[in-house]
Amino acid sequence: MRVCARDFVEWVEVDVRLTKDGQHVIIHDASVDRTSNGTGRVDALTLAELKLLDFGEWFAPRFRGLQIQTRQELLELAKGKVNLYLDCKYVNAEILVEEIVAAEIQDQVVAPENSLAAIR
């Protein structure tokens, strides 16, 4: 997200999922197997467990040590800089909306209607 903001990208599409302990994180896959040094489903791991994993090195050595991004981190980085297109893979809609409103970023966020089918 920092690079997008720095490079003046107007819109970013991100996938949102819930962790075992009900935290929203930004990750496309249902499991961490392909994009981290760990294994398991996102919804079977807590945020603390996910934060211990390396989500960067699989992509390129220069991204070694990159942690999974939380919803809060994403909203803070995007606020006033980048618009967000949220693909809701598995979320708690009520909490997600509350989080977006609390961050005062609702004018920068879009969630497609077909993405809402996966909402818990």
PDB file of N, CA and C in Angstrom:
ATOM      1  N   MET A   1       0.824  -1.179   0.000  1.00  0.00           N
ATOM      2  CA  MET A   1       0.000   0.000   0.000  1.00  0.00           C
ATOM      3  C   MET A   1       0.874   1.252   0.000  1.00  0.00           C
ATOM      4  N   ARG A   2       1.982   1.203   0.736  1.00  0.00           N
ATOM      5  CA  ARG A   2       2.873   2.370   0.771  1.00  0.00           C
ATOM      6  C   ARG A   2       3.370   2.717  -0.625  1.00  0.00           C
ATOM      7  N   VAL A   3       3.726   1.695  -1.403  1.00  0.00           N
ATOM      8  CA  VAL A   3       4.227   1.922  -2.753  1.00  0.00           C
ATOM      9  C   VAL A   3       3.124   2.502  -3.630  1.00  0.00           C
ATOM     10  N   CYS A   4       1.901   2.004  -3.488  1.00  0.00           N
ATOM     11  CA  CYS A   4       0.778   2.531  -4.265  1.00  0.00           C
ATOM     12  C   CYS A   4       0.561   4.009  -3.965  1.00  0.00           C
ATOM     13  N   ALA A   5       0.583   4.356  -2.697  1.00  0.00           N
ATOM     14  CA  ALA A   5       0.388   5.754  -2.309  1.00  0.00           C
ATOM     15  C   ALA A   5       1.534   6.614  -2.827  1.00  0.00           C
ATOM     16  N   ARG A   6       2.737   6.111  -2.699  1.00  0.00           N
ATOM     17  CA  ARG A   6       3.915   6.861  -3.164  1.00  0.00           C
ATOM     18  C   ARG A   6       3.883   7.080  -4.670  1.00  0.00           C
ATOM     19  N   ASP A   7       3.398   6.067  -5.407  1.00  0.00           N
ATOM     20  CA  ASP A   7       3.369   6.142  -6.869  1.00  0.00           C
ATOM     21  C   ASP A   7       2.069   6.741  -7.403  1.00  0.00           C
ATOM     22  N   PHE A   8       1.241   7.274  -6.507  1.00  0.00           N
ATOM     23  CA  PHE A   8      -0.003   7.957  -6.875  1.00  0.00           C
ATOM     24  C   PHE A   8      -0.996   7.057  -7.602  1.00  0.00           C
ATOM     25  N   VAL A   9      -1.070   5.791  -7.186  1.00  0.00           N
ATOM     26  CA  VAL A   9      -2.084   4.882  -7.714  1.00  0.00           C
ATOM     27  C   VAL A   9      -3.419   5.322  -7.132  1.00  0.00           C
ATOM     28  N   GLU A  10      -4.447   5.429  -7.983  1.00  0.00           N
ATOM     29  CA  GLU A  10      -5.728   5.947  -7.511  1.00  0.00           C
ATOM     30  C   GLU A  10      -6.576   4.885  -6.820  1.00  0.00           C
ATOM     31  N   TRP A  11      -6.611   3.664  -7.358  1.00  0.00           N
ATOM     32  CA  TRP A  11      -7.430   2.577  -6.802  1.00  0.00           C
ATOM     33  C   TRP A  11      -6.589   1.328  -6.611  1.00  0.00           C
ATOM     34  N   VAL A  12      -6.860   0.605  -5.511  1.00  0.00           N
ATOM     35  CA  VAL A  12      -6.212  -0.670  -5.241  1.00  0.00           C
ATOM     36  C   VAL A  12      -7.289  -1.677  -4.861  1.00  0.00           C
ATOM     37  N   GLU A  13      -7.221  -2.867  -5.468  1.00  0.00           N
ATOM     38  CA  GLU A  13      -8.147  -3.951  -5.133  1.00  0.00           C
ATOM     39  C   GLU A  13      -7.455  -4.847  -4.123  1.00  0.00           C
ATOM     40  N   VAL A  14      -8.126  -5.108  -3.008  1.00  0.00           N
ATOM     41  CA  VAL A  14      -7.574  -5.981  -1.980  1.00  0.00           C
ATOM     42  C   VAL A  14      -8.622  -6.991  -1.536  1.00  0.00           C
ATOM     43  N   ASP A  15      -8.155  -8.149  -1.125  1.00  0.00           N
ATOM     44  CA  ASP A  15      -9.033  -9.212  -0.643  1.00  0.00           C
ATOM     45  C   ASP A  15      -8.990  -9.233   0.876  1.00  0.00           C
ATOM     46  N   VAL A  16     -10.168  -9.358   1.488  1.00  0.00           N
ATOM     47  CA  VAL A  16     -10.283  -9.310   2.942  1.00  0.00           C
ATOM     48  C   VAL A  16     -10.819 -10.646   3.455  1.00  0.00           C
ATOM     49  N   ARG A  17     -10.188 -11.148   4.511  1.00  0.00           N
ATOM     50  CA  ARG A  17     -10.608 -12.397   5.160  1.00  0.00           C
ATOM     51  C   ARG A  17     -10.553 -12.231   6.673  1.00  0.00           C
ATOM     52  N   LEU A  18     -11.291 -13.100   7.348  1.00  0.00           N
ATOM     53  CA  LEU A  18     -11.288 -13.132   8.810  1.00  0.00           C
ATOM     54  C   LEU A  18     -10.305 -14.184   9.322  1.00  0.00           C
ATOM     55  N   THR A  19      -9.644 -13.853  10.415  1.00  0.00           N
ATOM     56  CA  THR A  19      -8.780 -14.805  11.099  1.00  0.00           C
ATOM     57  C   THR A  19      -9.616 -15.622  12.089  1.00  0.00           C
ATOM     58  N   LYS A  20      -8.987 -16.588  12.705  1.00  0.00           N
ATOM     59  CA  LYS A  20      -9.659 -17.426  13.703  1.00  0.00           C
ATOM     60  C   LYS A  20     -10.212 -16.587  14.849  1.00  0.00           C
ATOM     61  N   ASP A  21      -9.485 -15.535  15.210  1.00  0.00           N
ATOM     62  CA  ASP A  21      -9.920 -14.691  16.317  1.00  0.00           C
ATOM     63  C   ASP A  21     -10.716 -13.457  15.867  1.00  0.00           C
ATOM     64  N   GLY A  22     -11.256 -13.522  14.638  1.00  0.00           N
ATOM     65  CA  GLY A  22     -12.187 -12.492  14.179  1.00  0.00           C
ATOM     66  C   GLY A  22     -11.578 -11.188  13.714  1.00  0.00           C
ATOM     67  N   GLN A  23     -10.312 -11.207  13.342  1.00  0.00           N
ATOM     68  CA  GLN A  23      -9.646 -10.005  12.832  1.00  0.00           C
ATOM     69  C   GLN A  23      -9.648 -10.025  11.309  1.00  0.00           C
ATOM     70  N   HIS A  24      -9.887  -8.875  10.694  1.00  0.00           N
ATOM     71  CA  HIS A  24      -9.830  -8.786   9.240  1.00  0.00           C
ATOM     72  C   HIS A  24      -8.379  -8.582   8.793  1.00  0.00           C
ATOM     73  N   VAL A  25      -7.951  -9.407   7.835  1.00  0.00           N
ATOM     74  CA  VAL A  25      -6.611  -9.287   7.262  1.00  0.00           C
ATOM     75  C   VAL A  25      -6.721  -9.235   5.745  1.00  0.00           C
ATOM     76  N   ILE A  26      -5.655  -8.754   5.130  1.00  0.00           N
ATOM     77  CA  ILE A  26      -5.629  -8.582   3.679  1.00  0.00           C
ATOM     78  C   ILE A  26      -4.826  -9.735   3.081  1.00  0.00           C
ATOM     79  N   ILE A  27      -5.548 -10.659   2.434  1.00  0.00           N
ATOM     80  CA  ILE A  27      -4.903 -11.812   1.801  1.00  0.00           C
ATOM     81  C   ILE A  27      -5.867 -12.413   0.789  1.00  0.00           C
ATOM     82  N   HIS A  28      -5.346 -12.813  -0.353  1.00  0.00           N
ATOM     83  CA  HIS A  28      -6.186 -13.374  -1.406  1.00  0.00           C
ATOM     84  C   HIS A  28      -6.564 -14.833  -1.134  1.00  0.00           C
ATOM     85  N   ASP A  29      -5.568 -15.643  -0.843  1.00  0.00           N
ATOM     86  CA  ASP A  29      -5.797 -17.079  -0.699  1.00  0.00           C
ATOM     87  C   ASP A  29      -6.478 -17.424   0.621  1.00  0.00           C
ATOM     88  N   ALA A  30      -7.204 -18.539   0.620  1.00  0.00           N
ATOM     89  CA  ALA A  30      -7.843 -19.021   1.847  1.00  0.00           C
ATOM     90  C   ALA A  30      -6.814 -19.609   2.811  1.00  0.00           C
ATOM     91  N   SER A  31      -5.667 -20.021   2.278  1.00  0.00           N
ATOM     92  CA  SER A  31      -4.603 -20.547   3.136  1.00  0.00           C
ATOM     93  C   SER A  31      -3.347 -19.703   2.946  1.00  0.00           C
ATOM     94  N   VAL A  32      -2.402 -19.882   3.858  1.00  0.00           N
ATOM     95  CA  VAL A  32      -1.144 -19.141   3.794  1.00  0.00           C
ATOM     96  C   VAL A  32      -0.050 -19.935   3.088  1.00  0.00           C
ATOM     97  N   ASP A  33      -0.365 -21.130   2.646  1.00  0.00           N
ATOM     98  CA  ASP A  33       0.632 -22.052   2.107  1.00  0.00           C
ATOM     99  C   ASP A  33       1.426 -21.480   0.925  1.00  0.00           C
ATOM    100  N   ARG A  34       0.774 -20.842  -0.016  1.00  0.00           N
ATOM    101  CA  ARG A  34       1.427 -20.372  -1.235  1.00  0.00           C
ATOM    102  C   ARG A  34       2.209 -19.077  -1.024  1.00  0.00           C
ATOM    103  N   THR A  35       1.754 -18.224  -0.126  1.00  0.00           N
ATOM    104  CA  THR A  35       2.327 -16.879  -0.028  1.00  0.00           C
ATOM    105  C   THR A  35       3.055 -16.589   1.276  1.00  0.00           C
ATOM    106  N   SER A  36       3.387 -17.618   2.027  1.00  0.00           N
ATOM    107  CA  SER A  36       4.142 -17.395   3.268  1.00  0.00           C
ATOM    108  C   SER A  36       5.020 -18.612   3.554  1.00  0.00           C
ATOM    109  N   ASN A  37       5.745 -18.525   4.643  1.00  0.00           N
ATOM    110  CA  ASN A  37       6.568 -19.658   5.074  1.00  0.00           C
ATOM    111  C   ASN A  37       5.815 -20.544   6.062  1.00  0.00           C
ATOM    112  N   GLY A  38       4.495 -20.381   6.130  1.00  0.00           N
ATOM    113  CA  GLY A  38       3.669 -21.175   7.028  1.00  0.00           C
ATOM    114  C   GLY A  38       2.689 -22.047   6.271  1.00  0.00           C
ATOM    115  N   THR A  39       1.841 -22.722   7.024  1.00  0.00           N
ATOM    116  CA  THR A  39       0.802 -23.549   6.428  1.00  0.00           C
ATOM    117  C   THR A  39      -0.490 -23.351   7.212  1.00  0.00           C
ATOM    118  N   GLY A  40      -1.600 -23.616   6.542  1.00  0.00           N
ATOM    119  CA  GLY A  40      -2.892 -23.568   7.206  1.00  0.00           C
ATOM    120  C   GLY A  40      -3.830 -22.544   6.617  1.00  0.00           C
ATOM    121  N   ARG A  41      -5.093 -22.694   6.958  1.00  0.00           N
ATOM    122  CA  ARG A  41      -6.129 -21.769   6.508  1.00  0.00           C
ATOM    123  C   ARG A  41      -6.077 -20.487   7.341  1.00  0.00           C
ATOM    124  N   VAL A  42      -6.347 -19.371   6.704  1.00  0.00           N
ATOM    125  CA  VAL A  42      -6.361 -18.083   7.396  1.00  0.00           C
ATOM    126  C   VAL A  42      -7.369 -18.112   8.542  1.00  0.00           C
ATOM    127  N   ASP A  43      -8.535 -18.690   8.297  1.00  0.00           N
ATOM    128  CA  ASP A  43      -9.575 -18.710   9.331  1.00  0.00           C
ATOM    129  C   ASP A  43      -9.311 -19.725  10.442  1.00  0.00           C
ATOM    130  N   ALA A  44      -8.203 -20.470  10.338  1.00  0.00           N
ATOM    131  CA  ALA A  44      -7.815 -21.403  11.397  1.00  0.00           C
ATOM    132  C   ALA A  44      -6.621 -20.875  12.195  1.00  0.00           C
ATOM    133  N   LEU A  45      -6.140 -19.693  11.834  1.00  0.00           N
ATOM    134  CA  LEU A  45      -4.981 -19.088  12.493  1.00  0.00           C
ATOM    135  C   LEU A  45      -5.382 -17.758  13.131  1.00  0.00           C
ATOM    136  N   THR A  46      -4.786 -17.453  14.265  1.00  0.00           N
ATOM    137  CA  THR A  46      -5.047 -16.167  14.910  1.00  0.00           C
ATOM    138  C   THR A  46      -4.191 -15.091  14.247  1.00  0.00           C
ATOM    139  N   LEU A  47      -4.528 -13.846  14.509  1.00  0.00           N
ATOM    140  CA  LEU A  47      -3.730 -12.749  13.977  1.00  0.00           C
ATOM    141  C   LEU A  47      -2.295 -12.840  14.495  1.00  0.00           C
ATOM    142  N   ALA A  48      -2.125 -13.163  15.755  1.00  0.00           N
ATOM    143  CA  ALA A  48      -0.773 -13.293  16.327  1.00  0.00           C
ATOM    144  C   ALA A  48       0.026 -14.371  15.597  1.00  0.00           C
ATOM    145  N   GLU A  49      -0.606 -15.482  15.278  1.00  0.00           N
ATOM    146  CA  GLU A  49       0.080 -16.555  14.535  1.00  0.00           C
ATOM    147  C   GLU A  49       0.430 -16.096  13.127  1.00  0.00           C
ATOM    148  N   LEU A  50      -0.468 -15.378  12.481  1.00  0.00           N
ATOM    149  CA  LEU A  50      -0.218 -14.882  11.123  1.00  0.00           C
ATOM    150  C   LEU A  50       0.911 -13.862  11.104  1.00  0.00           C
ATOM    151  N   LYS A  51       0.994 -13.034  12.141  1.00  0.00           N
ATOM    152  CA  LYS A  51       2.034 -11.997  12.200  1.00  0.00           C
ATOM    153  C   LYS A  51       3.439 -12.588  12.355  1.00  0.00           C
ATOM    154  N   LEU A  52       3.541 -13.853  12.744  1.00  0.00           N
ATOM    155  CA  LEU A  52       4.841 -14.510  12.868  1.00  0.00           C
ATOM    156  C   LEU A  52       5.376 -15.002  11.521  1.00  0.00           C
ATOM    157  N   LEU A  53       4.510 -15.055  10.519  1.00  0.00           N
ATOM    158  CA  LEU A  53       4.885 -15.605   9.214  1.00  0.00           C
ATOM    159  C   LEU A  53       5.505 -14.551   8.300  1.00  0.00           C
ATOM    160  N   ASP A  54       6.349 -15.016   7.387  1.00  0.00           N
ATOM    161  CA  ASP A  54       6.969 -14.154   6.380  1.00  0.00           C
ATOM    162  C   ASP A  54       6.132 -14.241   5.101  1.00  0.00           C
ATOM    163  N   PHE A  55       5.533 -13.131   4.708  1.00  0.00           N
ATOM    164  CA  PHE A  55       4.689 -13.088   3.519  1.00  0.00           C
ATOM    165  C   PHE A  55       5.371 -12.415   2.337  1.00  0.00           C
ATOM    166  N   GLY A  56       6.661 -12.186   2.410  1.00  0.00           N
ATOM    167  CA  GLY A  56       7.332 -11.472   1.335  1.00  0.00           C
ATOM    168  C   GLY A  56       8.343 -12.253   0.550  1.00  0.00           C
ATOM    169  N   GLU A  57       9.097 -13.101   1.215  1.00  0.00           N
ATOM    170  CA  GLU A  57      10.219 -13.755   0.545  1.00  0.00           C
ATOM    171  C   GLU A  57       9.799 -14.633  -0.626  1.00  0.00           C
ATOM    172  N   TRP A  58       8.620 -15.234  -0.574  1.00  0.00           N
ATOM    173  CA  TRP A  58       8.160 -16.090  -1.679  1.00  0.00           C
ATOM    174  C   TRP A  58       8.101 -15.283  -2.980  1.00  0.00           C
ATOM    175  N   PHE A  59       7.855 -13.985  -2.862  1.00  0.00           N
ATOM    176  CA  PHE A  59       7.714 -13.127  -4.041  1.00  0.00           C
ATOM    177  C   PHE A  59       9.076 -12.663  -4.544  1.00  0.00           C
ATOM    178  N   ALA A  60       9.900 -12.182  -3.624  1.00  0.00           N
ATOM    179  CA  ALA A  60      11.252 -11.735  -3.984  1.00  0.00           C
ATOM    180  C   ALA A  60      12.045 -11.549  -2.689  1.00  0.00           C
ATOM    181  N   PRO A  61      13.346 -11.835  -2.723  1.00  0.00           N
ATOM    182  CA  PRO A  61      14.170 -11.705  -1.520  1.00  0.00           C
ATOM    183  C   PRO A  61      14.091 -10.316  -0.875  1.00  0.00           C
ATOM    184  N   ARG A  62      13.920  -9.276  -1.660  1.00  0.00           N
ATOM    185  CA  ARG A  62      13.890  -7.925  -1.084  1.00  0.00           C
ATOM    186  C   ARG A  62      12.653  -7.676  -0.219  1.00  0.00           C
ATOM    187  N   PHE A  63      11.648  -8.565  -0.322  1.00  0.00           N
ATOM    188  CA  PHE A  63      10.443  -8.417   0.487  1.00  0.00           C
ATOM    189  C   PHE A  63      10.469  -9.321   1.726  1.00  0.00           C
ATOM    190  N   ARG A  64      11.609  -9.945   2.001  1.00  0.00           N
ATOM    191  CA  ARG A  64      11.750 -10.821   3.167  1.00  0.00           C
ATOM    192  C   ARG A  64      11.299 -10.096   4.432  1.00  0.00           C
ATOM    193  N   GLY A  65      10.525 -10.783   5.259  1.00  0.00           N
ATOM    194  CA  GLY A  65      10.076 -10.224   6.520  1.00  0.00           C
ATOM    195  C   GLY A  65       8.750  -9.474   6.457  1.00  0.00           C
ATOM    196  N   LEU A  66       8.165  -9.386   5.282  1.00  0.00           N
ATOM    197  CA  LEU A  66       6.886  -8.680   5.136  1.00  0.00           C
ATOM    198  C   LEU A  66       5.790  -9.432   5.884  1.00  0.00           C
ATOM    199  N   GLN A  67       5.060  -8.716   6.722  1.00  0.00           N
ATOM    200  CA  GLN A  67       3.977  -9.329   7.496  1.00  0.00           C
ATOM    201  C   GLN A  67       2.641  -9.144   6.801  1.00  0.00           C
ATOM    202  N   ILE A  68       1.700 -10.001   7.165  1.00  0.00           N
ATOM    203  CA  ILE A  68       0.337  -9.860   6.676  1.00  0.00           C
ATOM    204  C   ILE A  68      -0.197  -8.512   7.162  1.00  0.00           C
ATOM    205  N   GLN A  69      -1.008  -7.882   6.340  1.00  0.00           N
ATOM    206  CA  GLN A  69      -1.540  -6.570   6.698  1.00  0.00           C
ATOM    207  C   GLN A  69      -2.933  -6.701   7.303  1.00  0.00           C
ATOM    208  N   THR A  70      -3.162  -5.983   8.375  1.00  0.00           N
ATOM    209  CA  THR A  70      -4.488  -5.982   8.990  1.00  0.00           C
ATOM    210  C   THR A  70      -5.359  -4.929   8.312  1.00  0.00           C
ATOM    211  N   ARG A  71      -6.636  -5.031   8.573  1.00  0.00           N
ATOM    212  CA  ARG A  71      -7.568  -4.039   8.053  1.00  0.00           C
ATOM    213  C   ARG A  71      -7.196  -2.664   8.568  1.00  0.00           C
ATOM    214  N   GLN A  72      -6.864  -2.561   9.846  1.00  0.00           N
ATOM    215  CA  GLN A  72      -6.509  -1.272  10.431  1.00  0.00           C
ATOM    216  C   GLN A  72      -5.282  -0.672   9.750  1.00  0.00           C
ATOM    217  N   GLU A  73      -4.263  -1.477   9.538  1.00  0.00           N
ATOM    218  CA  GLU A  73      -3.053  -0.998   8.873  1.00  0.00           C
ATOM    219  C   GLU A  73      -3.365  -0.522   7.458  1.00  0.00           C
ATOM    220  N   LEU A  74      -4.171  -1.279   6.753  1.00  0.00           N
ATOM    221  CA  LEU A  74      -4.558  -0.916   5.389  1.00  0.00           C
ATOM    222  C   LEU A  74      -5.286   0.424   5.358  1.00  0.00           C
ATOM    223  N   LEU A  75      -6.289   0.583   6.223  1.00  0.00           N
ATOM    224  CA  LEU A  75      -7.077   1.812   6.230  1.00  0.00           C
ATOM    225  C   LEU A  75      -6.226   3.015   6.606  1.00  0.00           C
ATOM    226  N   GLU A  76      -5.325   2.847   7.561  1.00  0.00           N
ATOM    227  CA  GLU A  76      -4.448   3.948   7.958  1.00  0.00           C
ATOM    228  C   GLU A  76      -3.533   4.381   6.818  1.00  0.00           C
ATOM    229  N   LEU A  77      -2.992   3.406   6.089  1.00  0.00           N
ATOM    230  CA  LEU A  77      -2.109   3.725   4.975  1.00  0.00           C
ATOM    231  C   LEU A  77      -2.857   4.349   3.798  1.00  0.00           C
ATOM    232  N   ALA A  78      -4.083   3.913   3.576  1.00  0.00           N
ATOM    233  CA  ALA A  78      -4.852   4.372   2.411  1.00  0.00           C
ATOM    234  C   ALA A  78      -5.517   5.727   2.629  1.00  0.00           C
ATOM    235  N   LYS A  79      -5.834   6.055   3.861  1.00  0.00           N
ATOM    236  CA  LYS A  79      -6.621   7.252   4.152  1.00  0.00           C
ATOM    237  C   LYS A  79      -6.027   8.507   3.497  1.00  0.00           C
ATOM    238  N   GLY A  80      -6.857   9.126   2.669  1.00  0.00           N
ATOM    239  CA  GLY A  80      -6.458  10.353   1.991  1.00  0.00           C
ATOM    240  C   GLY A  80      -5.497  10.159   0.839  1.00  0.00           C
ATOM    241  N   LYS A  81      -5.151   8.892   0.529  1.00  0.00           N
ATOM    242  CA  LYS A  81      -4.142   8.646  -0.501  1.00  0.00           C
ATOM    243  C   LYS A  81      -4.609   7.721  -1.612  1.00  0.00           C
ATOM    244  N   VAL A  82      -5.238   6.604  -1.225  1.00  0.00           N
ATOM    245  CA  VAL A  82      -5.585   5.560  -2.191  1.00  0.00           C
ATOM    246  C   VAL A  82      -7.006   5.084  -1.926  1.00  0.00           C
ATOM    247  N   ASN A  83      -7.798   4.940  -2.985  1.00  0.00           N
ATOM    248  CA  ASN A  83      -9.142   4.385  -2.874  1.00  0.00           C
ATOM    249  C   ASN A  83      -9.044   2.865  -2.849  1.00  0.00           C
ATOM    250  N   LEU A  84      -9.950   2.216  -2.112  1.00  0.00           N
ATOM    251  CA  LEU A  84      -9.901   0.764  -1.937  1.00  0.00           C
ATOM    252  C   LEU A  84     -11.121   0.080  -2.524  1.00  0.00           C
ATOM    253  N   TYR A  85     -10.861  -0.941  -3.306  1.00  0.00           N
ATOM    254  CA  TYR A  85     -11.891  -1.827  -3.830  1.00  0.00           C
ATOM    255  C   TYR A  85     -11.750  -3.117  -3.028  1.00  0.00           C
ATOM    256  N   LEU A  86     -12.681  -3.354  -2.100  1.00  0.00           N
ATOM    257  CA  LEU A  86     -12.581  -4.514  -1.213  1.00  0.00           C
ATOM    258  C   LEU A  86     -13.298  -5.722  -1.795  1.00  0.00           C
ATOM    259  N   ASP A  87     -12.551  -6.781  -2.027  1.00  0.00           N
ATOM    260  CA  ASP A  87     -13.126  -8.053  -2.438  1.00  0.00           C
ATOM    261  C   ASP A  87     -13.285  -8.860  -1.154  1.00  0.00           C
ATOM    262  N   CYS A  88     -14.491  -8.941  -0.666  1.00  0.00           N
ATOM    263  CA  CYS A  88     -14.767  -9.575   0.626  1.00  0.00           C
ATOM    264  C   CYS A  88     -14.856 -11.088   0.457  1.00  0.00           C
ATOM    265  N   LYS A  89     -13.773 -11.759   0.733  1.00  0.00           N
ATOM    266  CA  LYS A  89     -13.710 -13.214   0.583  1.00  0.00           C
ATOM    267  C   LYS A  89     -14.453 -13.906   1.729  1.00  0.00           C
ATOM    268  N   TYR A  90     -14.200 -13.461   2.953  1.00  0.00           N
ATOM    269  CA  TYR A  90     -14.825 -14.034   4.139  1.00  0.00           C
ATOM    270  C   TYR A  90     -14.682 -12.992   5.229  1.00  0.00           C
ATOM    271  N   VAL A  91     -15.757 -12.267   5.497  1.00  0.00           N
ATOM    272  CA  VAL A  91     -15.690 -11.150   6.445  1.00  0.00           C
ATOM    273  C   VAL A  91     -16.910 -11.124   7.350  1.00  0.00           C
ATOM    274  N   ASN A  92     -16.841 -10.310   8.370  1.00  0.00           N
ATOM    275  CA  ASN A  92     -17.998  -9.982   9.188  1.00  0.00           C
ATOM    276  C   ASN A  92     -18.414  -8.597   8.724  1.00  0.00           C
ATOM    277  N   ALA A  93     -19.486  -8.520   7.929  1.00  0.00           N
ATOM    278  CA  ALA A  93     -19.881  -7.277   7.280  1.00  0.00           C
ATOM    279  C   ALA A  93     -20.135  -6.146   8.268  1.00  0.00           C
ATOM    280  N   GLU A  94     -20.833  -6.433   9.338  1.00  0.00           N
ATOM    281  CA  GLU A  94     -21.151  -5.382  10.307  1.00  0.00           C
ATOM    282  C   GLU A  94     -19.885  -4.781  10.905  1.00  0.00           C
ATOM    283  N   ILE A  95     -18.970  -5.628  11.307  1.00  0.00           N
ATOM    284  CA  ILE A  95     -17.723  -5.144  11.905  1.00  0.00           C
ATOM    285  C   ILE A  95     -16.884  -4.412  10.863  1.00  0.00           C
ATOM    286  N   LEU A  96     -16.815  -4.947   9.653  1.00  0.00           N
ATOM    287  CA  LEU A  96     -16.027  -4.314   8.605  1.00  0.00           C
ATOM    288  C   LEU A  96     -16.549  -2.907   8.315  1.00  0.00           C
ATOM    289  N   VAL A  97     -17.858  -2.756   8.217  1.00  0.00           N
ATOM    290  CA  VAL A  97     -18.441  -1.430   7.972  1.00  0.00           C
ATOM    291  C   VAL A  97     -18.136  -0.506   9.143  1.00  0.00           C
ATOM    292  N   GLU A  98     -18.275  -0.999  10.365  1.00  0.00           N
ATOM    293  CA  GLU A  98     -17.953  -0.183  11.546  1.00  0.00           C
ATOM    294  C   GLU A  98     -16.501   0.280  11.508  1.00  0.00           C
ATOM    295  N   GLU A  99     -15.598  -0.616  11.118  1.00  0.00           N
ATOM    296  CA  GLU A  99     -14.178  -0.285  11.061  1.00  0.00           C
ATOM    297  C   GLU A  99     -13.904   0.789  10.005  1.00  0.00           C
ATOM    298  N   ILE A 100     -14.546   0.673   8.871  1.00  0.00           N
ATOM    299  CA  ILE A 100     -14.369   1.647   7.788  1.00  0.00           C
ATOM    300  C   ILE A 100     -14.883   3.017   8.211  1.00  0.00           C
ATOM    301  N   VAL A 101     -16.061   3.044   8.829  1.00  0.00           N
ATOM    302  CA  VAL A 101     -16.643   4.307   9.287  1.00  0.00           C
ATOM    303  C   VAL A 101     -15.785   4.911  10.403  1.00  0.00           C
ATOM    304  N   ALA A 102     -15.336   4.093  11.341  1.00  0.00           N
ATOM    305  CA  ALA A 102     -14.502   4.580  12.438  1.00  0.00           C
ATOM    306  C   ALA A 102     -13.196   5.183  11.925  1.00  0.00           C
ATOM    307  N   ALA A 103     -12.678   4.631  10.831  1.00  0.00           N
ATOM    308  CA  ALA A 103     -11.446   5.154  10.232  1.00  0.00           C
ATOM    309  C   ALA A 103     -11.712   6.394   9.376  1.00  0.00           C
ATOM    310  N   GLU A 104     -12.991   6.742   9.229  1.00  0.00           N
ATOM    311  CA  GLU A 104     -13.405   7.900   8.422  1.00  0.00           C
ATOM    312  C   GLU A 104     -12.857   7.830   7.001  1.00  0.00           C
ATOM    313  N   ILE A 105     -13.014   6.659   6.396  1.00  0.00           N
ATOM    314  CA  ILE A 105     -12.502   6.433   5.054  1.00  0.00           C
ATOM    315  C   ILE A 105     -13.598   5.916   4.116  1.00  0.00           C
ATOM    316  N   GLN A 106     -14.866   5.970   4.563  1.00  0.00           N
ATOM    317  CA  GLN A 106     -15.957   5.392   3.773  1.00  0.00           C
ATOM    318  C   GLN A 106     -16.080   5.987   2.376  1.00  0.00           C
ATOM    319  N   ASP A 107     -15.657   7.230   2.167  1.00  0.00           N
ATOM    320  CA  ASP A 107     -15.729   7.832   0.830  1.00  0.00           C
ATOM    321  C   ASP A 107     -14.663   7.284  -0.109  1.00  0.00           C
ATOM    322  N   GLN A 108     -13.742   6.499   0.416  1.00  0.00           N
ATOM    323  CA  GLN A 108     -12.664   5.935  -0.386  1.00  0.00           C
ATOM    324  C   GLN A 108     -12.792   4.423  -0.580  1.00  0.00           C
ATOM    325  N   VAL A 109     -13.892   3.835  -0.129  1.00  0.00           N
ATOM    326  CA  VAL A 109     -14.017   2.374  -0.137  1.00  0.00           C
ATOM    327  C   VAL A 109     -15.234   1.938  -0.940  1.00  0.00           C
ATOM    328  N   VAL A 110     -15.018   0.918  -1.777  1.00  0.00           N
ATOM    329  CA  VAL A 110     -16.084   0.290  -2.544  1.00  0.00           C
ATOM    330  C   VAL A 110     -15.987  -1.215  -2.338  1.00  0.00           C
ATOM    331  N   ALA A 111     -17.136  -1.869  -2.160  1.00  0.00           N
ATOM    332  CA  ALA A 111     -17.183  -3.331  -2.087  1.00  0.00           C
ATOM    333  C   ALA A 111     -18.237  -3.785  -3.078  1.00  0.00           C
ATOM    334  N   PRO A 112     -17.865  -4.573  -4.081  1.00  0.00           N
ATOM    335  CA  PRO A 112     -18.828  -5.004  -5.092  1.00  0.00           C
ATOM    336  C   PRO A 112     -19.915  -5.891  -4.509  1.00  0.00           C
ATOM    337  N   GLU A 113     -21.114  -5.773  -5.038  1.00  0.00           N
ATOM    338  CA  GLU A 113     -22.249  -6.531  -4.517  1.00  0.00           C
ATOM    339  C   GLU A 113     -22.022  -8.035  -4.582  1.00  0.00           C
ATOM    340  N   ASN A 114     -21.423  -8.533  -5.666  1.00  0.00           N
ATOM    341  CA  ASN A 114     -21.194  -9.982  -5.772  1.00  0.00           C
ATOM    342  C   ASN A 114     -20.191 -10.480  -4.733  1.00  0.00           C
ATOM    343  N   SER A 115     -19.370  -9.606  -4.213  1.00  0.00           N
ATOM    344  CA  SER A 115     -18.416  -9.987  -3.172  1.00  0.00           C
ATOM    345  C   SER A 115     -19.135 -10.208  -1.846  1.00  0.00           C
ATOM    346  N   LEU A 116     -20.292  -9.630  -1.695  1.00  0.00           N
ATOM    347  CA  LEU A 116     -21.022  -9.747  -0.433  1.00  0.00           C
ATOM    348  C   LEU A 116     -21.601 -11.137  -0.220  1.00  0.00           C
ATOM    349  N   ALA A 117     -21.630 -11.967  -1.242  1.00  0.00           N
ATOM    350  CA  ALA A 117     -22.142 -13.326  -1.113  1.00  0.00           C
ATOM    351  C   ALA A 117     -21.284 -14.146  -0.145  1.00  0.00           C
ATOM    352  N   ALA A 118     -20.021 -13.782   0.014  1.00  0.00           N
ATOM    353  CA  ALA A 118     -19.124 -14.540   0.888  1.00  0.00           C
ATOM    354  C   ALA A 118     -19.136 -14.046   2.321  1.00  0.00           C
ATOM    355  N   ILE A 119     -19.904 -13.029   2.589  1.00  0.00           N
ATOM    356  CA  ILE A 119     -19.914 -12.445   3.923  1.00  0.00           C
ATOM    357  C   ILE A 119     -20.571 -13.379   4.926  1.00  0.00           C
ATOM    358  N   ARG A 120     -19.977 -13.490   6.073  1.00  0.00           N
ATOM    359  CA  ARG A 120     -20.467 -14.359   7.129  1.00  0.00           C
ATOM    360  C   ARG A 120     -21.624 -13.688   7.840  1.00  0.00           C
TER     361      ARG A 120
END
